[in-house]
Amino acid sequence: KISIINCSELEIEYIWHTIPNMMNNRSNPQVAWVRVDTQTILSIHHNVITQNPRISLTYNDHRSWYLHIREVEESDRGWYMCQVNTDPMRSRKGYLQVVVPPAIVESMTSNDMVVREGTNVSLTCKAKGFPEPYVMWRREDGDEMAIGGENV
């Protein structure tokens, strides 16, 4: 079974994300971990192949193998696969979803504006994150605002 863990920005700093694989009772099988979407071999048996220092490998009794990704980043999102060199070869894929909290992009967001009453004004708010954030406008005093000719 491959378990995938969602994470938030706070968890990225403190949690080791683990993708475990439980195997049948086999004697010393060779196990490989692969990043599927980039076709990158991450580990073969006891050896970490990737140059990424955030990736490590542990195992229990040659039956449970764990790929650890420390300080998960948004670029780690994607498909991972565990391959076992049995006959026939067995593999299991899992998708690592990385949740990124919303943040306002200051360089693409309007600053304070002063306009004459009765004139039109356009305000911009750009937010980023995953899943894509929803931007909602409201006045501090709670009064209605006209957006696109409708009071909201």
N, C-alpha and C. Protein backbone atom coordinates (compact mmCIF):
# COMPACT_ATOMS: atom_id res chain seq x y z
N LYS A 1 0.85 -1.18 0.00
CA LYS A 1 0.00 0.00 0.00
C LYS A 1 0.89 1.23 0.00
N ILE A 2 0.57 2.19 -0.84
CA ILE A 2 1.31 3.45 -0.85
C ILE A 2 0.43 4.51 -0.21
N SER A 3 0.96 5.18 0.78
CA SER A 3 0.22 6.24 1.46
C SER A 3 0.79 7.58 1.06
N ILE A 4 -0.09 8.51 0.73
CA ILE A 4 0.33 9.84 0.32
C ILE A 4 -0.20 10.84 1.35
N ILE A 5 0.63 11.79 1.74
CA ILE A 5 0.27 12.73 2.78
C ILE A 5 0.21 14.13 2.20
N ASN A 6 -0.93 14.82 2.39
CA ASN A 6 -1.00 16.24 2.04
C ASN A 6 -0.26 17.03 3.10
N CYS A 7 0.27 18.18 2.73
CA CYS A 7 1.00 18.96 3.71
C CYS A 7 0.71 20.44 3.52
N SER A 8 0.84 21.17 4.59
CA SER A 8 0.71 22.62 4.52
C SER A 8 2.11 23.21 4.68
N GLU A 9 2.21 24.52 4.56
CA GLU A 9 3.51 25.16 4.65
C GLU A 9 4.17 24.89 6.01
N LEU A 10 3.40 24.90 7.10
CA LEU A 10 3.96 24.64 8.42
C LEU A 10 4.48 23.21 8.53
N GLU A 11 3.74 22.28 7.98
CA GLU A 11 4.16 20.88 8.04
C GLU A 11 5.42 20.64 7.23
N ILE A 12 5.61 21.42 6.17
CA ILE A 12 6.79 21.25 5.31
C ILE A 12 8.07 21.37 6.13
N GLU A 13 8.08 22.24 7.12
CA GLU A 13 9.29 22.46 7.91
C GLU A 13 9.54 21.37 8.94
N TYR A 14 8.50 20.67 9.37
CA TYR A 14 8.65 19.79 10.53
C TYR A 14 8.41 18.31 10.29
N ILE A 15 7.80 17.94 9.17
CA ILE A 15 7.40 16.55 8.97
C ILE A 15 8.22 15.89 7.87
N TRP A 16 8.62 14.66 8.10
CA TRP A 16 9.22 13.83 7.05
C TRP A 16 8.08 13.11 6.38
N HIS A 17 7.86 13.34 5.10
CA HIS A 17 6.77 12.70 4.39
C HIS A 17 7.25 11.33 3.92
N THR A 18 6.44 10.32 4.17
CA THR A 18 6.84 8.94 3.96
C THR A 18 5.88 8.24 3.02
N ILE A 19 6.43 7.52 2.07
CA ILE A 19 5.63 6.68 1.19
C ILE A 19 6.05 5.24 1.45
N PRO A 20 5.26 4.46 2.23
CA PRO A 20 5.67 3.09 2.56
C PRO A 20 5.19 2.06 1.54
N ASN A 21 5.88 0.95 1.46
CA ASN A 21 5.43 -0.17 0.63
C ASN A 21 5.61 -1.46 1.42
N MET A 22 4.53 -2.21 1.64
CA MET A 22 4.60 -3.49 2.34
C MET A 22 4.69 -4.59 1.28
N MET A 23 5.68 -5.47 1.41
CA MET A 23 5.87 -6.53 0.42
C MET A 23 5.50 -7.87 1.01
N ASN A 24 5.23 -8.83 0.13
CA ASN A 24 5.00 -10.19 0.57
C ASN A 24 6.30 -10.76 1.13
N ASN A 25 6.25 -11.88 1.76
CA ASN A 25 7.42 -12.48 2.38
C ASN A 25 8.39 -12.97 1.31
N ARG A 26 9.32 -12.15 0.91
CA ARG A 26 10.33 -12.48 -0.11
C ARG A 26 11.71 -12.32 0.53
N SER A 27 12.68 -13.07 0.08
CA SER A 27 14.01 -12.97 0.66
C SER A 27 14.83 -11.94 -0.11
N ASN A 28 15.20 -10.89 0.59
CA ASN A 28 16.07 -9.82 0.07
C ASN A 28 15.73 -9.35 -1.35
N PRO A 29 14.55 -8.89 -1.59
CA PRO A 29 14.25 -8.36 -2.92
C PRO A 29 14.96 -7.03 -3.13
N GLN A 30 15.25 -6.72 -4.37
CA GLN A 30 15.83 -5.42 -4.71
C GLN A 30 14.66 -4.46 -4.92
N VAL A 31 14.74 -3.32 -4.27
CA VAL A 31 13.66 -2.34 -4.32
C VAL A 31 14.20 -1.05 -4.91
N ALA A 32 13.42 -0.44 -5.80
CA ALA A 32 13.81 0.85 -6.38
C ALA A 32 12.66 1.83 -6.21
N TRP A 33 13.00 3.08 -5.95
CA TRP A 33 12.02 4.17 -5.93
C TRP A 33 12.28 5.07 -7.12
N VAL A 34 11.21 5.44 -7.83
CA VAL A 34 11.32 6.23 -9.06
C VAL A 34 10.35 7.40 -8.98
N ARG A 35 10.79 8.57 -9.42
CA ARG A 35 9.89 9.71 -9.62
C ARG A 35 9.35 9.55 -11.04
N VAL A 36 8.08 9.17 -11.18
CA VAL A 36 7.52 8.73 -12.45
C VAL A 36 7.49 9.85 -13.48
N ASP A 37 6.97 11.03 -13.11
CA ASP A 37 6.77 12.08 -14.11
C ASP A 37 8.07 12.63 -14.67
N THR A 38 9.17 12.53 -13.93
CA THR A 38 10.47 12.98 -14.46
C THR A 38 11.37 11.81 -14.83
N GLN A 39 10.91 10.58 -14.62
CA GLN A 39 11.67 9.36 -14.89
C GLN A 39 13.02 9.37 -14.19
N THR A 40 13.01 9.84 -12.93
CA THR A 40 14.23 9.93 -12.14
C THR A 40 14.29 8.76 -11.17
N ILE A 41 15.40 8.02 -11.20
CA ILE A 41 15.60 6.95 -10.23
C ILE A 41 16.08 7.60 -8.93
N LEU A 42 15.33 7.39 -7.86
CA LEU A 42 15.67 8.00 -6.57
C LEU A 42 16.53 7.08 -5.72
N SER A 43 16.22 5.78 -5.75
CA SER A 43 17.01 4.83 -4.95
C SER A 43 16.95 3.45 -5.59
N ILE A 44 18.02 2.69 -5.36
CA ILE A 44 18.06 1.28 -5.75
C ILE A 44 18.56 0.50 -4.53
N HIS A 45 17.73 -0.41 -4.07
CA HIS A 45 17.99 -1.23 -2.89
C HIS A 45 18.37 -0.33 -1.71
N HIS A 46 19.58 -0.41 -1.17
CA HIS A 46 19.95 0.39 0.00
C HIS A 46 20.54 1.75 -0.36
N ASN A 47 20.70 2.04 -1.64
CA ASN A 47 21.43 3.23 -2.07
C ASN A 47 20.51 4.31 -2.61
N VAL A 48 20.67 5.53 -2.07
CA VAL A 48 19.97 6.69 -2.62
C VAL A 48 20.79 7.15 -3.82
N ILE A 49 20.15 7.22 -4.98
CA ILE A 49 20.84 7.57 -6.23
C ILE A 49 20.77 9.06 -6.50
N THR A 50 19.64 9.67 -6.21
CA THR A 50 19.45 11.08 -6.50
C THR A 50 20.43 11.95 -5.71
N GLN A 51 20.77 13.09 -6.27
CA GLN A 51 21.66 14.03 -5.60
C GLN A 51 20.88 14.96 -4.66
N ASN A 52 19.57 14.78 -4.58
CA ASN A 52 18.73 15.63 -3.73
C ASN A 52 18.97 15.25 -2.26
N PRO A 53 19.55 16.17 -1.46
CA PRO A 53 19.88 15.83 -0.07
C PRO A 53 18.65 15.70 0.83
N ARG A 54 17.48 16.08 0.35
CA ARG A 54 16.26 15.98 1.15
C ARG A 54 15.66 14.57 1.11
N ILE A 55 16.18 13.72 0.24
CA ILE A 55 15.62 12.38 0.08
C ILE A 55 16.48 11.36 0.80
N SER A 56 15.80 10.50 1.57
CA SER A 56 16.50 9.42 2.26
C SER A 56 15.65 8.16 2.20
N LEU A 57 16.22 7.05 2.65
CA LEU A 57 15.60 5.74 2.50
C LEU A 57 15.78 4.97 3.80
N THR A 58 14.72 4.30 4.25
CA THR A 58 14.83 3.37 5.37
C THR A 58 14.01 2.13 5.05
N TYR A 59 14.27 1.05 5.80
CA TYR A 59 13.53 -0.19 5.59
C TYR A 59 13.49 -0.98 6.89
N ASN A 60 12.51 -1.90 6.98
CA ASN A 60 12.35 -2.80 8.12
C ASN A 60 12.40 -4.23 7.61
N ASP A 61 13.33 -5.02 8.08
CA ASP A 61 13.37 -6.46 7.79
C ASP A 61 13.21 -6.78 6.30
N HIS A 62 13.61 -5.91 5.43
CA HIS A 62 13.50 -6.11 3.98
C HIS A 62 12.06 -6.36 3.55
N ARG A 63 11.08 -5.92 4.34
CA ARG A 63 9.68 -6.09 3.97
C ARG A 63 8.98 -4.74 3.80
N SER A 64 9.42 -3.73 4.52
CA SER A 64 8.82 -2.40 4.44
C SER A 64 9.91 -1.41 4.06
N TRP A 65 9.72 -0.74 2.94
CA TRP A 65 10.70 0.23 2.45
C TRP A 65 10.05 1.60 2.47
N TYR A 66 10.80 2.60 2.91
CA TYR A 66 10.26 3.95 3.07
C TYR A 66 11.12 4.97 2.33
N LEU A 67 10.50 5.74 1.50
CA LEU A 67 11.15 6.88 0.86
C LEU A 67 10.75 8.11 1.64
N HIS A 68 11.74 8.85 2.15
CA HIS A 68 11.48 10.05 2.95
C HIS A 68 11.84 11.28 2.13
N ILE A 69 10.96 12.25 2.13
CA ILE A 69 11.23 13.54 1.49
C ILE A 69 11.12 14.60 2.58
N ARG A 70 12.25 15.16 2.95
CA ARG A 70 12.30 16.15 4.02
C ARG A 70 12.03 17.53 3.45
N GLU A 71 11.37 18.39 4.24
CA GLU A 71 11.09 19.77 3.84
C GLU A 71 10.46 19.80 2.45
N VAL A 72 9.32 19.15 2.32
CA VAL A 72 8.62 19.02 1.03
C VAL A 72 8.41 20.38 0.39
N GLU A 73 8.65 20.44 -0.91
CA GLU A 73 8.46 21.66 -1.71
C GLU A 73 7.37 21.41 -2.74
N GLU A 74 6.83 22.50 -3.28
CA GLU A 74 5.79 22.38 -4.30
C GLU A 74 6.27 21.56 -5.49
N SER A 75 7.55 21.68 -5.82
CA SER A 75 8.10 20.94 -6.96
C SER A 75 8.16 19.43 -6.72
N ASP A 76 7.95 18.98 -5.49
CA ASP A 76 7.92 17.55 -5.19
C ASP A 76 6.59 16.92 -5.57
N ARG A 77 5.58 17.73 -5.90
CA ARG A 77 4.26 17.21 -6.29
C ARG A 77 4.43 16.31 -7.50
N GLY A 78 3.80 15.14 -7.47
CA GLY A 78 3.86 14.25 -8.63
C GLY A 78 3.73 12.79 -8.25
N TRP A 79 3.94 11.95 -9.25
CA TRP A 79 3.82 10.50 -9.10
C TRP A 79 5.14 9.88 -8.67
N TYR A 80 5.07 8.96 -7.71
CA TYR A 80 6.21 8.19 -7.24
C TYR A 80 5.87 6.71 -7.37
N MET A 81 6.90 5.89 -7.63
CA MET A 81 6.66 4.46 -7.80
C MET A 81 7.72 3.66 -7.05
N CYS A 82 7.26 2.61 -6.40
CA CYS A 82 8.13 1.62 -5.77
C CYS A 82 8.11 0.38 -6.65
N GLN A 83 9.30 -0.10 -7.05
CA GLN A 83 9.42 -1.31 -7.88
C GLN A 83 10.16 -2.38 -7.09
N VAL A 84 9.66 -3.61 -7.16
CA VAL A 84 10.30 -4.74 -6.48
C VAL A 84 10.67 -5.76 -7.53
N ASN A 85 11.94 -6.24 -7.51
CA ASN A 85 12.42 -7.13 -8.58
C ASN A 85 12.02 -8.58 -8.33
N THR A 86 10.74 -8.82 -8.18
CA THR A 86 10.23 -10.18 -8.08
C THR A 86 9.94 -10.67 -9.50
N ASP A 87 9.57 -11.93 -9.62
CA ASP A 87 9.20 -12.46 -10.93
C ASP A 87 7.74 -12.88 -10.88
N PRO A 88 6.84 -12.15 -11.48
CA PRO A 88 7.08 -10.94 -12.27
C PRO A 88 7.36 -9.72 -11.38
N MET A 89 7.94 -8.69 -12.00
CA MET A 89 8.24 -7.46 -11.29
C MET A 89 6.94 -6.84 -10.80
N ARG A 90 6.97 -6.32 -9.58
CA ARG A 90 5.79 -5.66 -9.02
C ARG A 90 6.10 -4.20 -8.78
N SER A 91 5.07 -3.37 -8.95
CA SER A 91 5.27 -1.95 -8.69
C SER A 91 3.97 -1.36 -8.16
N ARG A 92 4.11 -0.22 -7.51
CA ARG A 92 2.96 0.50 -6.98
C ARG A 92 3.25 1.99 -7.13
N LYS A 93 2.26 2.72 -7.65
CA LYS A 93 2.41 4.16 -7.83
C LYS A 93 1.52 4.91 -6.85
N GLY A 94 1.96 6.10 -6.49
CA GLY A 94 1.17 6.98 -5.64
C GLY A 94 1.47 8.43 -6.00
N TYR A 95 0.48 9.28 -5.81
CA TYR A 95 0.62 10.70 -6.14
C TYR A 95 0.82 11.50 -4.86
N LEU A 96 1.89 12.28 -4.81
CA LEU A 96 2.15 13.17 -3.69
C LEU A 96 1.57 14.54 -4.02
N GLN A 97 0.55 14.94 -3.29
CA GLN A 97 -0.07 16.25 -3.49
C GLN A 97 0.48 17.19 -2.43
N VAL A 98 1.02 18.31 -2.85
CA VAL A 98 1.56 19.29 -1.93
C VAL A 98 0.61 20.48 -1.88
N VAL A 99 0.06 20.75 -0.71
CA VAL A 99 -0.88 21.85 -0.53
C VAL A 99 -0.09 23.08 -0.10
N VAL A 100 -0.28 24.19 -0.83
CA VAL A 100 0.43 25.44 -0.55
C VAL A 100 -0.61 26.47 -0.11
N PRO A 101 -0.48 27.05 1.09
CA PRO A 101 -1.48 28.00 1.56
C PRO A 101 -1.50 29.26 0.69
N PRO A 102 -2.66 29.94 0.63
CA PRO A 102 -2.76 31.13 -0.21
C PRO A 102 -1.88 32.27 0.29
N ALA A 103 -1.38 33.04 -0.66
CA ALA A 103 -0.59 34.24 -0.36
C ALA A 103 -0.91 35.29 -1.41
N ILE A 104 -0.97 36.54 -0.99
CA ILE A 104 -1.23 37.65 -1.92
C ILE A 104 0.08 38.04 -2.59
N VAL A 105 0.04 38.19 -3.91
CA VAL A 105 1.21 38.63 -4.68
C VAL A 105 1.20 40.15 -4.67
N GLU A 106 2.00 40.73 -3.79
CA GLU A 106 1.99 42.18 -3.57
C GLU A 106 2.29 42.96 -4.84
N SER A 107 3.22 42.47 -5.66
CA SER A 107 3.62 43.21 -6.87
C SER A 107 2.51 43.28 -7.91
N MET A 108 1.49 42.42 -7.80
CA MET A 108 0.40 42.41 -8.77
C MET A 108 -0.94 42.80 -8.12
N THR A 109 -0.87 43.45 -6.95
CA THR A 109 -2.06 43.82 -6.20
C THR A 109 -2.09 45.33 -6.02
N SER A 110 -3.29 45.91 -6.14
CA SER A 110 -3.47 47.36 -6.03
C SER A 110 -3.08 47.87 -4.64
N ASN A 111 -2.54 49.10 -4.63
CA ASN A 111 -2.25 49.80 -3.38
C ASN A 111 -3.42 50.72 -3.07
N ASP A 112 -3.28 51.54 -2.01
CA ASP A 112 -4.31 52.53 -1.68
C ASP A 112 -4.50 53.48 -2.85
N MET A 113 -5.77 53.89 -3.09
CA MET A 113 -6.09 54.81 -4.18
C MET A 113 -7.02 55.89 -3.66
N VAL A 114 -6.87 57.09 -4.21
CA VAL A 114 -7.79 58.19 -3.93
C VAL A 114 -8.42 58.58 -5.26
N VAL A 115 -9.77 58.56 -5.33
CA VAL A 115 -10.49 58.91 -6.56
C VAL A 115 -11.66 59.81 -6.20
N ARG A 116 -12.14 60.55 -7.19
CA ARG A 116 -13.32 61.39 -6.98
C ARG A 116 -14.58 60.54 -6.96
N GLU A 117 -15.53 60.97 -6.16
CA GLU A 117 -16.81 60.29 -6.08
C GLU A 117 -17.47 60.26 -7.45
N GLY A 118 -18.03 59.12 -7.81
CA GLY A 118 -18.72 58.98 -9.09
C GLY A 118 -17.85 58.47 -10.22
N THR A 119 -16.53 58.40 -10.01
CA THR A 119 -15.65 57.89 -11.06
C THR A 119 -15.49 56.38 -10.89
N ASN A 120 -15.04 55.76 -11.94
CA ASN A 120 -14.78 54.31 -11.90
C ASN A 120 -13.37 54.05 -11.41
N VAL A 121 -13.19 52.94 -10.75
CA VAL A 121 -11.86 52.53 -10.30
C VAL A 121 -11.75 51.02 -10.45
N SER A 122 -10.59 50.55 -10.80
CA SER A 122 -10.33 49.11 -10.90
C SER A 122 -9.29 48.73 -9.86
N LEU A 123 -9.64 47.77 -9.02
CA LEU A 123 -8.71 47.26 -8.02
C LEU A 123 -8.32 45.84 -8.42
N THR A 124 -7.08 45.51 -8.17
CA THR A 124 -6.57 44.19 -8.54
C THR A 124 -6.03 43.49 -7.31
N CYS A 125 -6.37 42.22 -7.17
CA CYS A 125 -5.79 41.39 -6.12
C CYS A 125 -5.38 40.07 -6.75
N LYS A 126 -4.10 39.75 -6.69
CA LYS A 126 -3.58 38.49 -7.23
C LYS A 126 -3.12 37.62 -6.07
N ALA A 127 -3.64 36.40 -6.03
CA ALA A 127 -3.25 35.45 -4.99
C ALA A 127 -2.70 34.19 -5.64
N LYS A 128 -1.78 33.53 -4.94
CA LYS A 128 -1.23 32.26 -5.43
C LYS A 128 -1.35 31.22 -4.32
N GLY A 129 -1.26 29.97 -4.70
CA GLY A 129 -1.35 28.86 -3.76
C GLY A 129 -1.90 27.64 -4.47
N PHE A 130 -1.95 26.52 -3.75
CA PHE A 130 -2.54 25.31 -4.32
C PHE A 130 -3.32 24.59 -3.24
N PRO A 131 -4.61 24.30 -3.47
CA PRO A 131 -5.34 24.61 -4.71
C PRO A 131 -5.48 26.12 -4.91
N GLU A 132 -5.81 26.52 -6.14
CA GLU A 132 -5.87 27.94 -6.48
C GLU A 132 -6.84 28.66 -5.55
N PRO A 133 -6.37 29.76 -4.91
CA PRO A 133 -7.23 30.47 -3.96
C PRO A 133 -8.37 31.24 -4.63
N TYR A 134 -9.44 31.43 -3.88
CA TYR A 134 -10.58 32.23 -4.31
C TYR A 134 -10.44 33.60 -3.66
N VAL A 135 -10.49 34.67 -4.47
CA VAL A 135 -10.36 36.04 -3.96
C VAL A 135 -11.76 36.62 -3.79
N MET A 136 -12.02 37.17 -2.61
CA MET A 136 -13.31 37.78 -2.33
C MET A 136 -13.08 39.21 -1.85
N TRP A 137 -13.85 40.14 -2.41
CA TRP A 137 -13.74 41.54 -2.04
C TRP A 137 -14.80 41.89 -1.00
N ARG A 138 -14.44 42.74 -0.04
CA ARG A 138 -15.42 43.29 0.90
C ARG A 138 -14.89 44.60 1.45
N ARG A 139 -15.83 45.44 1.87
CA ARG A 139 -15.45 46.72 2.48
C ARG A 139 -15.23 46.51 3.97
N GLU A 140 -14.32 47.30 4.54
CA GLU A 140 -14.07 47.19 5.97
C GLU A 140 -15.29 47.56 6.80
N ASP A 141 -16.09 48.54 6.31
CA ASP A 141 -17.26 48.99 7.08
C ASP A 141 -18.49 48.12 6.84
N GLY A 142 -18.39 47.12 5.97
CA GLY A 142 -19.50 46.21 5.72
C GLY A 142 -20.50 46.70 4.70
N ASP A 143 -20.38 47.95 4.21
CA ASP A 143 -21.30 48.46 3.19
C ASP A 143 -21.15 47.67 1.90
N GLU A 144 -22.22 47.72 1.08
CA GLU A 144 -22.19 47.02 -0.21
C GLU A 144 -21.22 47.70 -1.17
N MET A 145 -20.70 46.92 -2.09
CA MET A 145 -19.84 47.44 -3.16
C MET A 145 -20.50 47.10 -4.48
N ALA A 146 -20.34 47.98 -5.45
CA ALA A 146 -20.85 47.71 -6.80
C ALA A 146 -19.71 47.11 -7.61
N ILE A 147 -19.92 45.88 -8.09
CA ILE A 147 -18.93 45.23 -8.94
C ILE A 147 -19.63 44.84 -10.22
N GLY A 148 -19.15 45.38 -11.33
CA GLY A 148 -19.76 45.08 -12.62
C GLY A 148 -21.21 45.54 -12.69
N GLY A 149 -21.54 46.64 -12.02
CA GLY A 149 -22.89 47.18 -12.06
C GLY A 149 -23.85 46.55 -11.07
N GLU A 150 -23.39 45.56 -10.29
CA GLU A 150 -24.26 44.91 -9.30
C GLU A 150 -23.72 45.18 -7.90
N ASN A 151 -24.65 45.40 -6.96
CA ASN A 151 -24.25 45.53 -5.57
C ASN A 151 -23.98 44.14 -5.01
N VAL A 152 -22.86 44.01 -4.33
CA VAL A 152 -22.51 42.71 -3.74
C VAL A 152 -22.23 42.88 -2.26
